[in-house]
């Protein structure tokens, strides 16, 4: 193979692959920490809406409705305006059953 400013192209390609892998890992770790932080923040709320539950579980609103229907989620409570909600304690039980940690060790 050829050389670029005295560096073999194969070596240069390997170095670039390593840098890209490290950057991708750092980005995944940052995204994971952001999601964990967001989940923890939502679990501090008094009442969790369907959309918030979907975000915490990492699923769509439609999936939350399916979970309700098949009993994977407890029946929600309703506020005075009729909107459904769950408490963080109810959701933490669901997370534990699904094997999702709500707090990750550092």
C-alpha atoms as a PDB file:
ATOM      1  CA  UNK A   1       0.000   0.000   0.000  1.00  0.00           C
ATOM      2  CA  UNK A   2       1.010   3.641  -0.342  1.00  0.00           C
ATOM      3  CA  UNK A   3       2.359   6.169   2.123  1.00  0.00           C
ATOM      4  CA  UNK A   4       1.019   9.546   3.133  1.00  0.00           C
ATOM      5  CA  UNK A   5       3.603  11.825   4.724  1.00  0.00           C
ATOM      6  CA  UNK A   6       5.584   8.824   5.812  1.00  0.00           C
ATOM      7  CA  UNK A   7       2.649   6.877   7.337  1.00  0.00           C
ATOM      8  CA  UNK A   8       1.404   3.677   5.771  1.00  0.00           C
ATOM      9  CA  UNK A   9      -2.239   3.898   4.764  1.00  0.00           C
ATOM     10  CA  UNK A  10      -3.111   0.699   6.654  1.00  0.00           C
ATOM     11  CA  UNK A  11      -1.716   2.162   9.871  1.00  0.00           C
ATOM     12  CA  UNK A  12      -3.546   5.425   9.252  1.00  0.00           C
ATOM     13  CA  UNK A  13      -6.816   3.553   8.637  1.00  0.00           C
ATOM     14  CA  UNK A  14      -6.377   1.570  11.860  1.00  0.00           C
ATOM     15  CA  UNK A  15      -5.698   4.737  13.873  1.00  0.00           C
ATOM     16  CA  UNK A  16      -8.770   6.406  12.369  1.00  0.00           C
ATOM     17  CA  UNK A  17     -10.941   3.352  13.137  1.00  0.00           C
ATOM     18  CA  UNK A  18      -9.732   3.393  16.737  1.00  0.00           C
ATOM     19  CA  UNK A  19     -10.479   7.117  17.117  1.00  0.00           C
ATOM     20  CA  UNK A  20     -13.958   6.686  15.623  1.00  0.00           C
ATOM     21  CA  UNK A  21     -14.698   3.702  17.913  1.00  0.00           C
ATOM     22  CA  UNK A  22     -13.624   5.699  20.981  1.00  0.00           C
ATOM     23  CA  UNK A  23     -15.731   8.696  19.925  1.00  0.00           C
ATOM     24  CA  UNK A  24     -18.776   6.482  19.284  1.00  0.00           C
ATOM     25  CA  UNK A  25     -18.384   4.856  22.714  1.00  0.00           C
ATOM     26  CA  UNK A  26     -18.131   8.276  24.372  1.00  0.00           C
ATOM     27  CA  UNK A  27     -21.271   9.431  22.545  1.00  0.00           C
ATOM     28  CA  UNK A  28     -23.198   6.269  23.550  1.00  0.00           C
ATOM     29  CA  UNK A  29     -22.112   6.719  27.172  1.00  0.00           C
ATOM     30  CA  UNK A  30     -23.203  10.352  27.127  1.00  0.00           C
ATOM     31  CA  UNK A  31     -26.585   9.461  25.629  1.00  0.00           C
ATOM     32  CA  UNK A  32     -27.041   6.688  28.212  1.00  0.00           C
ATOM     33  CA  UNK A  33     -26.255   9.073  31.073  1.00  0.00           C
ATOM     34  CA  UNK A  34     -28.685  11.646  29.656  1.00  0.00           C
ATOM     35  CA  UNK A  35     -31.455   9.044  29.422  1.00  0.00           C
ATOM     36  CA  UNK A  36     -30.767   7.794  32.949  1.00  0.00           C
ATOM     37  CA  UNK A  37     -30.826  11.358  34.259  1.00  0.00           C
ATOM     38  CA  UNK A  38     -34.084  12.078  32.415  1.00  0.00           C
ATOM     39  CA  UNK A  39     -35.658   8.876  33.773  1.00  0.00           C
ATOM     40  CA  UNK A  40     -34.579   9.752  37.316  1.00  0.00           C
ATOM     41  CA  UNK A  41     -35.917  13.279  36.896  1.00  0.00           C
ATOM     42  CA  UNK A  42     -39.296  12.017  35.686  1.00  0.00           C
ATOM     43  CA  UNK A  43     -39.509   9.584  38.586  1.00  0.00           C
ATOM     44  CA  UNK A  44     -39.395  12.597  40.928  1.00  0.00           C
ATOM     45  CA  UNK A  45     -42.758  13.792  39.613  1.00  0.00           C
ATOM     46  CA  UNK A  46     -45.878  13.202  41.735  1.00  0.00           C
ATOM     47  CA  UNK A  47     -47.928  11.998  38.790  1.00  0.00           C
ATOM     48  CA  UNK A  48     -46.746  10.439  35.553  1.00  0.00           C
ATOM     49  CA  UNK A  49     -48.747  10.821  32.362  1.00  0.00           C
ATOM     50  CA  UNK A  50     -48.951   8.218  29.617  1.00  0.00           C
ATOM     51  CA  UNK A  51     -46.315  10.110  27.611  1.00  0.00           C
ATOM     52  CA  UNK A  52     -43.972  10.313  30.605  1.00  0.00           C
ATOM     53  CA  UNK A  53     -44.408   6.601  31.311  1.00  0.00           C
ATOM     54  CA  UNK A  54     -43.603   5.860  27.662  1.00  0.00           C
ATOM     55  CA  UNK A  55     -40.448   7.961  27.891  1.00  0.00           C
ATOM     56  CA  UNK A  56     -39.295   6.270  31.095  1.00  0.00           C
ATOM     57  CA  UNK A  57     -39.915   2.786  29.702  1.00  0.00           C
ATOM     58  CA  UNK A  58     -38.363   3.691  26.360  1.00  0.00           C
ATOM     59  CA  UNK A  59     -41.463   2.711  24.408  1.00  0.00           C
ATOM     60  CA  UNK A  60     -44.196   4.478  22.455  1.00  0.00           C
ATOM     61  CA  UNK A  61     -47.465   5.791  23.853  1.00  0.00           C
ATOM     62  CA  UNK A  62     -49.231   3.001  21.946  1.00  0.00           C
ATOM     63  CA  UNK A  63     -47.083   0.396  23.733  1.00  0.00           C
ATOM     64  CA  UNK A  64     -48.017   1.897  27.120  1.00  0.00           C
ATOM     65  CA  UNK A  65     -51.681   1.523  26.167  1.00  0.00           C
ATOM     66  CA  UNK A  66     -51.001  -2.108  25.188  1.00  0.00           C
ATOM     67  CA  UNK A  67     -49.243  -2.711  28.516  1.00  0.00           C
ATOM     68  CA  UNK A  68     -52.325  -1.329  30.288  1.00  0.00           C
ATOM     69  CA  UNK A  69     -54.614  -3.563  28.287  1.00  0.00           C
ATOM     70  CA  UNK A  70     -52.658  -6.777  28.922  1.00  0.00           C
ATOM     71  CA  UNK A  71     -52.020  -6.026  32.597  1.00  0.00           C
ATOM     72  CA  UNK A  72     -48.291  -5.263  32.455  1.00  0.00           C
ATOM     73  CA  UNK A  73     -49.090  -1.823  33.879  1.00  0.00           C
ATOM     74  CA  UNK A  74     -51.497  -1.304  36.748  1.00  0.00           C
ATOM     75  CA  UNK A  75     -54.681   0.549  35.992  1.00  0.00           C
ATOM     76  CA  UNK A  76     -53.976   4.264  36.241  1.00  0.00           C
ATOM     77  CA  UNK A  77     -55.654   6.669  38.576  1.00  0.00           C
ATOM     78  CA  UNK A  78     -57.582   9.635  37.179  1.00  0.00           C
ATOM     79  CA  UNK A  79     -57.336  13.261  38.204  1.00  0.00           C
ATOM     80  CA  UNK A  80     -60.359  15.546  38.511  1.00  0.00           C
ATOM     81  CA  UNK A  81     -60.281  16.307  34.800  1.00  0.00           C
ATOM     82  CA  UNK A  82     -60.298  12.595  33.939  1.00  0.00           C
ATOM     83  CA  UNK A  83     -56.677  12.382  32.759  1.00  0.00           C
ATOM     84  CA  UNK A  84     -54.915   9.173  33.678  1.00  0.00           C
ATOM     85  CA  UNK A  85     -51.716   9.037  35.687  1.00  0.00           C
ATOM     86  CA  UNK A  86     -49.482   6.641  37.548  1.00  0.00           C
ATOM     87  CA  UNK A  87     -47.370   7.267  40.610  1.00  0.00           C
ATOM     88  CA  UNK A  88     -43.595   6.805  40.508  1.00  0.00           C
ATOM     89  CA  UNK A  89     -43.913   3.924  43.004  1.00  0.00           C
ATOM     90  CA  UNK A  90     -46.249   2.068  40.641  1.00  0.00           C
ATOM     91  CA  UNK A  91     -43.889   2.601  37.766  1.00  0.00           C
ATOM     92  CA  UNK A  92     -40.820   1.586  39.780  1.00  0.00           C
ATOM     93  CA  UNK A  93     -42.518  -1.765  40.448  1.00  0.00           C
ATOM     94  CA  UNK A  94     -43.040  -2.203  36.700  1.00  0.00           C
ATOM     95  CA  UNK A  95     -39.404  -1.277  36.033  1.00  0.00           C
ATOM     96  CA  UNK A  96     -38.225  -3.830  38.589  1.00  0.00           C
ATOM     97  CA  UNK A  97     -40.383  -6.565  37.042  1.00  0.00           C
ATOM     98  CA  UNK A  98     -38.978  -5.724  33.620  1.00  0.00           C
ATOM     99  CA  UNK A  99     -35.427  -5.742  34.981  1.00  0.00           C
ATOM    100  CA  UNK A 100     -34.798  -2.058  34.312  1.00  0.00           C
ATOM    101  CA  UNK A 101     -32.658  -0.379  36.938  1.00  0.00           C
ATOM    102  CA  UNK A 102     -33.813   3.061  37.962  1.00  0.00           C
ATOM    103  CA  UNK A 103     -30.448   3.965  39.470  1.00  0.00           C
ATOM    104  CA  UNK A 104     -27.153   2.852  38.023  1.00  0.00           C
ATOM    105  CA  UNK A 105     -23.959   2.619  40.071  1.00  0.00           C
ATOM    106  CA  UNK A 106     -21.230   5.017  39.021  1.00  0.00           C
END
